[in-house]
All heavy atoms as atom14 arrays in JSON, in Angstrom:
{
  "sequence": "YGNDFDISRLKYDKIILMTDADVDGSHIDTLL",
  "atom14_mask": [
    [1, 1, 1, 1, 1, 1, 1, 1, 1, 1, 1, 1, 0, 0],
    [1, 1, 1, 1, 0, 0, 0, 0, 0, 0, 0, 0, 0, 0],
    [1, 1, 1, 1, 1, 1, 1, 1, 0, 0, 0, 0, 0, 0],
    [1, 1, 1, 1, 1, 1, 1, 1, 0, 0, 0, 0, 0, 0],
    [1, 1, 1, 1, 1, 1, 1, 1, 1, 1, 1, 0, 0, 0],
    [1, 1, 1, 1, 1, 1, 1, 1, 0, 0, 0, 0, 0, 0],
    [1, 1, 1, 1, 1, 1, 1, 1, 0, 0, 0, 0, 0, 0],
    [1, 1, 1, 1, 1, 1, 0, 0, 0, 0, 0, 0, 0, 0],
    [1, 1, 1, 1, 1, 1, 1, 1, 1, 1, 1, 0, 0, 0],
    [1, 1, 1, 1, 1, 1, 1, 1, 0, 0, 0, 0, 0, 0],
    [1, 1, 1, 1, 1, 1, 1, 1, 1, 0, 0, 0, 0, 0],
    [1, 1, 1, 1, 1, 1, 1, 1, 1, 1, 1, 1, 0, 0],
    [1, 1, 1, 1, 1, 1, 1, 1, 0, 0, 0, 0, 0, 0],
    [1, 1, 1, 1, 1, 1, 1, 1, 1, 0, 0, 0, 0, 0],
    [1, 1, 1, 1, 1, 1, 1, 1, 0, 0, 0, 0, 0, 0],
    [1, 1, 1, 1, 1, 1, 1, 1, 0, 0, 0, 0, 0, 0],
    [1, 1, 1, 1, 1, 1, 1, 1, 0, 0, 0, 0, 0, 0],
    [1, 1, 1, 1, 1, 1, 1, 1, 0, 0, 0, 0, 0, 0],
    [1, 1, 1, 1, 1, 1, 1, 0, 0, 0, 0, 0, 0, 0],
    [1, 1, 1, 1, 1, 1, 1, 1, 0, 0, 0, 0, 0, 0],
    [1, 1, 1, 1, 1, 0, 0, 0, 0, 0, 0, 0, 0, 0],
    [1, 1, 1, 1, 1, 1, 1, 1, 0, 0, 0, 0, 0, 0],
    [1, 1, 1, 1, 1, 1, 1, 0, 0, 0, 0, 0, 0, 0],
    [1, 1, 1, 1, 1, 1, 1, 1, 0, 0, 0, 0, 0, 0],
    [1, 1, 1, 1, 0, 0, 0, 0, 0, 0, 0, 0, 0, 0],
    [1, 1, 1, 1, 1, 1, 0, 0, 0, 0, 0, 0, 0, 0],
    [1, 1, 1, 1, 1, 1, 1, 1, 1, 1, 0, 0, 0, 0],
    [1, 1, 1, 1, 1, 1, 1, 1, 0, 0, 0, 0, 0, 0],
    [1, 1, 1, 1, 1, 1, 1, 1, 0, 0, 0, 0, 0, 0],
    [1, 1, 1, 1, 1, 1, 1, 0, 0, 0, 0, 0, 0, 0],
    [1, 1, 1, 1, 1, 1, 1, 1, 0, 0, 0, 0, 0, 0],
    [1, 1, 1, 1, 1, 1, 1, 1, 0, 0, 0, 0, 0, 0]
  ],
  "atom14_positions": [
    [[37.32, -27.18, -43.99], [38.01, -25.9, -43.88], [39.43, -26.04, -43.35], [40.06, -25.1, -42.97], [37.22, -24.98, -42.94], [35.79, -24.86, -43.37], [34.77, -25.36, -42.59], [35.48, -24.3, -44.59], [33.46, -25.27, -43.01], [34.17, -24.21, -45.01], [33.17, -24.69, -44.22], [31.88, -24.61, -44.65], [0.0, 0.0, 0.0], [0.0, 0.0, 0.0]],
    [[39.93, -27.2, -43.31], [41.26, -27.4, -42.78], [41.33, -28.77, -42.15], [40.43, -29.58, -42.3], [0.0, 0.0, 0.0], [0.0, 0.0, 0.0], [0.0, 0.0, 0.0], [0.0, 0.0, 0.0], [0.0, 0.0, 0.0], [0.0, 0.0, 0.0], [0.0, 0.0, 0.0], [0.0, 0.0, 0.0], [0.0, 0.0, 0.0], [0.0, 0.0, 0.0]],
    [[42.42, -29.05, -41.46], [42.59, -30.38, -40.92], [43.44, -30.32, -39.67], [44.64, -30.09, -39.74], [43.26, -31.27, -41.99], [43.33, -32.71, -41.55], [42.97, -33.04, -40.44], [43.79, -33.56, -42.44], [0.0, 0.0, 0.0], [0.0, 0.0, 0.0], [0.0, 0.0, 0.0], [0.0, 0.0, 0.0], [0.0, 0.0, 0.0], [0.0, 0.0, 0.0]],
    [[42.8, -30.5, -38.5], [43.59, -30.59, -37.28], [43.66, -32.03, -36.81], [43.95, -32.31, -35.66], [43.01, -29.68, -36.19], [41.6, -30.07, -35.76], [41.06, -31.05, -36.31], [41.06, -29.41, -34.86], [0.0, 0.0, 0.0], [0.0, 0.0, 0.0], [0.0, 0.0, 0.0], [0.0, 0.0, 0.0], [0.0, 0.0, 0.0], [0.0, 0.0, 0.0]],
    [[43.39, -32.97, -37.73], [43.44, -34.38, -37.4], [44.89, -34.84, -37.37], [45.67, -34.58, -38.28], [42.67, -35.21, -38.43], [42.64, -36.68, -38.13], [41.65, -37.21, -37.33], [43.61, -37.52, -38.64], [41.63, -38.57, -37.04], [43.6, -38.87, -38.36], [42.6, -39.4, -37.57], [0.0, 0.0, 0.0], [0.0, 0.0, 0.0], [0.0, 0.0, 0.0]],
    [[45.26, -35.55, -36.3], [46.61, -36.1, -36.16], [46.48, -37.5, -35.57], [46.23, -37.67, -34.38], [47.45, -35.21, -35.24], [48.88, -35.72, -35.1], [49.2, -36.78, -35.67], [49.68, -35.06, -34.4], [0.0, 0.0, 0.0], [0.0, 0.0, 0.0], [0.0, 0.0, 0.0], [0.0, 0.0, 0.0], [0.0, 0.0, 0.0], [0.0, 0.0, 0.0]],
    [[46.65, -38.51, -36.42], [46.42, -39.88, -35.98], [47.43, -40.33, -34.93], [47.17, -41.28, -34.18], [46.42, -40.84, -37.2], [45.66, -42.13, -36.85], [47.84, -41.12, -37.68], [45.31, -42.97, -38.05], [0.0, 0.0, 0.0], [0.0, 0.0, 0.0], [0.0, 0.0, 0.0], [0.0, 0.0, 0.0], [0.0, 0.0, 0.0], [0.0, 0.0, 0.0]],
    [[48.56, -39.65, -34.84], [49.55, -40.02, -33.82], [49.04, -39.74, -32.41], [49.59, -40.25, -31.43], [50.86, -39.28, -34.06], [50.71, -37.88, -33.84], [0.0, 0.0, 0.0], [0.0, 0.0, 0.0], [0.0, 0.0, 0.0], [0.0, 0.0, 0.0], [0.0, 0.0, 0.0], [0.0, 0.0, 0.0], [0.0, 0.0, 0.0], [0.0, 0.0, 0.0]],
    [[47.98, -38.9, -32.3], [47.41, -38.6, -30.98], [46.28, -39.55, -30.58], [45.69, -39.41, -29.52], [46.88, -37.17, -30.95], [47.9, -36.11, -31.33], [47.51, -34.73, -30.81], [46.14, -34.37, -31.13], [45.77, -33.57, -32.12], [46.69, -33.07, -32.94], [44.51, -33.27, -32.32], [0.0, 0.0, 0.0], [0.0, 0.0, 0.0], [0.0, 0.0, 0.0]],
    [[45.98, -40.51, -31.45], [44.89, -41.46, -31.18], [45.17, -42.23, -29.9], [46.25, -42.79, -29.72], [44.74, -42.43, -32.36], [43.64, -43.48, -32.25], [42.27, -42.83, -32.18], [43.71, -44.46, -33.42], [0.0, 0.0, 0.0], [0.0, 0.0, 0.0], [0.0, 0.0, 0.0], [0.0, 0.0, 0.0], [0.0, 0.0, 0.0], [0.0, 0.0, 0.0]],
    [[44.17, -42.29, -29.01], [44.36, -42.91, -27.7], [44.07, -44.41, -27.68], [44.39, -45.09, -26.7], [43.47, -42.21, -26.66], [43.79, -40.75, -26.45], [42.82, -40.11, -25.46], [43.11, -38.63, -25.27], [42.12, -37.99, -24.36], [0.0, 0.0, 0.0], [0.0, 0.0, 0.0], [0.0, 0.0, 0.0], [0.0, 0.0, 0.0], [0.0, 0.0, 0.0]],
    [[43.43, -44.92, -28.74], [43.01, -46.33, -28.74], [43.34, -46.97, -30.09], [43.05, -46.4, -31.14], [41.5, -46.45, -28.48], [41.04, -45.71, -27.25], [40.52, -44.41, -27.36], [41.11, -46.28, -25.99], [40.1, -43.71, -26.24], [40.69, -45.59, -24.86], [40.19, -44.31, -24.99], [39.77, -43.62, -23.88], [0.0, 0.0, 0.0], [0.0, 0.0, 0.0]],
    [[43.92, -48.16, -30.04], [44.24, -48.86, -31.28], [42.99, -49.37, -31.97], [42.92, -49.42, -33.2], [45.17, -50.05, -30.99], [45.59, -50.77, -32.25], [46.28, -50.16, -33.07], [45.19, -51.94, -32.42], [0.0, 0.0, 0.0], [0.0, 0.0, 0.0], [0.0, 0.0, 0.0], [0.0, 0.0, 0.0], [0.0, 0.0, 0.0], [0.0, 0.0, 0.0]],
    [[41.99, -49.76, -31.18], [40.74, -50.26, -31.74], [39.57, -49.4, -31.27], [39.41, -49.16, -30.06], [40.49, -51.72, -31.33], [41.4, -52.74, -31.98], [40.99, -54.16, -31.59], [41.81, -55.21, -32.32], [43.23, -55.19, -31.9], [0.0, 0.0, 0.0], [0.0, 0.0, 0.0], [0.0, 0.0, 0.0], [0.0, 0.0, 0.0], [0.0, 0.0, 0.0]],
    [[38.76, -48.96, -32.23], [37.5, -48.28, -31.93], [36.41, -49.25, -32.36], [36.26, -49.54, -33.55], [37.4, -46.96, -32.7], [38.5, -46.0, -32.23], [36.02, -46.33, -32.5], [38.64, -44.75, -33.08], [0.0, 0.0, 0.0], [0.0, 0.0, 0.0], [0.0, 0.0, 0.0], [0.0, 0.0, 0.0], [0.0, 0.0, 0.0], [0.0, 0.0, 0.0]],
    [[35.67, -49.77, -31.39], [34.73, -50.87, -31.66], [33.3, -50.39, -31.43], [32.94, -49.95, -30.34], [35.04, -52.07, -30.74], [36.5, -52.51, -30.92], [34.08, -53.23, -31.04], [36.97, -53.52, -29.9], [0.0, 0.0, 0.0], [0.0, 0.0, 0.0], [0.0, 0.0, 0.0], [0.0, 0.0, 0.0], [0.0, 0.0, 0.0], [0.0, 0.0, 0.0]],
    [[32.49, -50.46, -32.49], [31.09, -50.09, -32.38], [30.32, -51.3, -31.89], [30.32, -52.36, -32.52], [30.54, -49.64, -33.74], [31.42, -48.65, -34.54], [30.69, -48.2, -35.79], [31.8, -47.44, -33.69], [0.0, 0.0, 0.0], [0.0, 0.0, 0.0], [0.0, 0.0, 0.0], [0.0, 0.0, 0.0], [0.0, 0.0, 0.0], [0.0, 0.0, 0.0]],
    [[29.65, -51.16, -30.75], [28.97, -52.3, -30.13], [27.49, -51.95, -29.95], [27.1, -51.3, -28.97], [29.62, -52.66, -28.79], [29.16, -54.0, -28.24], [30.2, -54.59, -26.88], [29.63, -53.55, -25.54], [0.0, 0.0, 0.0], [0.0, 0.0, 0.0], [0.0, 0.0, 0.0], [0.0, 0.0, 0.0], [0.0, 0.0, 0.0], [0.0, 0.0, 0.0]],
    [[26.67, -52.37, -30.91], [25.24, -52.06, -30.88], [24.44, -53.35, -30.95], [24.98, -54.43, -31.18], [24.85, -51.15, -32.05], [25.18, -51.81, -33.29], [25.61, -49.83, -32.0], [0.0, 0.0, 0.0], [0.0, 0.0, 0.0], [0.0, 0.0, 0.0], [0.0, 0.0, 0.0], [0.0, 0.0, 0.0], [0.0, 0.0, 0.0], [0.0, 0.0, 0.0]],
    [[23.14, -53.22, -30.77], [22.27, -54.4, -30.8], [22.29, -55.06, -32.18], [22.44, -54.38, -33.21], [20.83, -54.01, -30.44], [20.69, -53.6, -28.99], [21.59, -53.91, -28.2], [19.68, -52.95, -28.66], [0.0, 0.0, 0.0], [0.0, 0.0, 0.0], [0.0, 0.0, 0.0], [0.0, 0.0, 0.0], [0.0, 0.0, 0.0], [0.0, 0.0, 0.0]],
    [[22.1, -56.38, -32.2], [22.11, -57.14, -33.46], [20.73, -57.09, -34.12], [20.1, -58.11, -34.36], [22.54, -58.58, -33.19], [0.0, 0.0, 0.0], [0.0, 0.0, 0.0], [0.0, 0.0, 0.0], [0.0, 0.0, 0.0], [0.0, 0.0, 0.0], [0.0, 0.0, 0.0], [0.0, 0.0, 0.0], [0.0, 0.0, 0.0], [0.0, 0.0, 0.0]],
    [[20.25, -55.87, -34.4], [18.95, -55.72, -35.08], [19.04, -54.53, -36.03], [20.11, -53.93, -36.21], [17.83, -55.52, -34.05], [18.05, -54.33, -33.12], [18.92, -53.48, -33.44], [17.37, -54.24, -32.09], [0.0, 0.0, 0.0], [0.0, 0.0, 0.0], [0.0, 0.0, 0.0], [0.0, 0.0, 0.0], [0.0, 0.0, 0.0], [0.0, 0.0, 0.0]],
    [[17.92, -54.19, -36.67], [17.93, -53.12, -37.65], [18.29, -51.78, -37.02], [19.05, -50.99, -37.6], [16.55, -53.04, -38.35], [16.45, -51.77, -39.2], [16.32, -54.27, -39.22], [0.0, 0.0, 0.0], [0.0, 0.0, 0.0], [0.0, 0.0, 0.0], [0.0, 0.0, 0.0], [0.0, 0.0, 0.0], [0.0, 0.0, 0.0], [0.0, 0.0, 0.0]],
    [[17.77, -51.49, -35.82], [18.11, -50.23, -35.16], [19.6, -50.15, -34.86], [20.23, -49.1, -35.03], [17.31, -50.09, -33.85], [15.89, -49.6, -34.1], [15.63, -49.06, -35.19], [15.03, -49.79, -33.22], [0.0, 0.0, 0.0], [0.0, 0.0, 0.0], [0.0, 0.0, 0.0], [0.0, 0.0, 0.0], [0.0, 0.0, 0.0], [0.0, 0.0, 0.0]],
    [[20.16, -51.28, -34.42], [21.6, -51.32, -34.16], [22.4, -51.07, -35.42], [23.4, -50.34, -35.41], [0.0, 0.0, 0.0], [0.0, 0.0, 0.0], [0.0, 0.0, 0.0], [0.0, 0.0, 0.0], [0.0, 0.0, 0.0], [0.0, 0.0, 0.0], [0.0, 0.0, 0.0], [0.0, 0.0, 0.0], [0.0, 0.0, 0.0], [0.0, 0.0, 0.0]],
    [[21.96, -51.67, -36.53], [22.65, -51.46, -37.8], [22.56, -50.01, -38.25], [23.5, -49.46, -38.83], [22.05, -52.37, -38.88], [22.27, -53.73, -38.56], [0.0, 0.0, 0.0], [0.0, 0.0, 0.0], [0.0, 0.0, 0.0], [0.0, 0.0, 0.0], [0.0, 0.0, 0.0], [0.0, 0.0, 0.0], [0.0, 0.0, 0.0], [0.0, 0.0, 0.0]],
    [[21.4, -49.37, -37.98], [21.24, -47.96, -38.35], [22.2, -47.09, -37.54], [22.82, -46.16, -38.07], [19.8, -47.52, -38.11], [19.51, -46.15, -38.65], [18.49, -45.36, -38.17], [20.11, -45.43, -39.63], [18.48, -44.21, -38.82], [19.45, -44.22, -39.72], [0.0, 0.0, 0.0], [0.0, 0.0, 0.0], [0.0, 0.0, 0.0], [0.0, 0.0, 0.0]],
    [[22.34, -47.4, -36.27], [23.28, -46.64, -35.43], [24.71, -46.84, -35.92], [25.49, -45.89, -36.01], [23.13, -47.05, -33.95], [21.76, -46.61, -33.42], [24.25, -46.44, -33.11], [21.42, -47.15, -32.05], [0.0, 0.0, 0.0], [0.0, 0.0, 0.0], [0.0, 0.0, 0.0], [0.0, 0.0, 0.0], [0.0, 0.0, 0.0], [0.0, 0.0, 0.0]],
    [[25.05, -48.09, -36.27], [26.37, -48.35, -36.85], [26.6, -47.49, -38.09], [27.67, -46.92, -38.29], [26.52, -49.83, -37.23], [26.7, -50.74, -36.02], [27.08, -50.23, -34.95], [26.44, -51.94, -36.16], [0.0, 0.0, 0.0], [0.0, 0.0, 0.0], [0.0, 0.0, 0.0], [0.0, 0.0, 0.0], [0.0, 0.0, 0.0], [0.0, 0.0, 0.0]],
    [[25.58, -47.41, -38.94], [25.69, -46.65, -40.19], [25.91, -45.17, -39.91], [26.75, -44.52, -40.56], [24.42, -46.83, -41.04], [24.23, -48.22, -41.31], [24.53, -46.08, -42.36], [0.0, 0.0, 0.0], [0.0, 0.0, 0.0], [0.0, 0.0, 0.0], [0.0, 0.0, 0.0], [0.0, 0.0, 0.0], [0.0, 0.0, 0.0], [0.0, 0.0, 0.0]],
    [[25.19, -44.62, -38.95], [25.37, -43.21, -38.59], [26.77, -42.96, -38.03], [27.41, -41.96, -38.36], [24.3, -42.8, -37.57], [22.86, -42.73, -38.09], [21.88, -42.61, -36.93], [22.68, -41.56, -39.06], [0.0, 0.0, 0.0], [0.0, 0.0, 0.0], [0.0, 0.0, 0.0], [0.0, 0.0, 0.0], [0.0, 0.0, 0.0], [0.0, 0.0, 0.0]],
    [[27.24, -43.88, -37.19], [28.58, -43.73, -36.62], [29.66, -43.84, -37.7], [30.62, -43.07, -37.71], [28.81, -44.8, -35.54], [28.04, -44.62, -34.24], [28.1, -45.87, -33.38], [28.58, -43.42, -33.45], [0.0, 0.0, 0.0], [0.0, 0.0, 0.0], [0.0, 0.0, 0.0], [0.0, 0.0, 0.0], [0.0, 0.0, 0.0], [0.0, 0.0, 0.0]]
  ]
}
């Protein structure tokens, strides 16, 4: 319905997903 996204306001250069090295962790990565 619109776009209030502004990448210039991003607070972090890297967004790192850190989950367990198993199937559940991979599922969480997929959802994220």
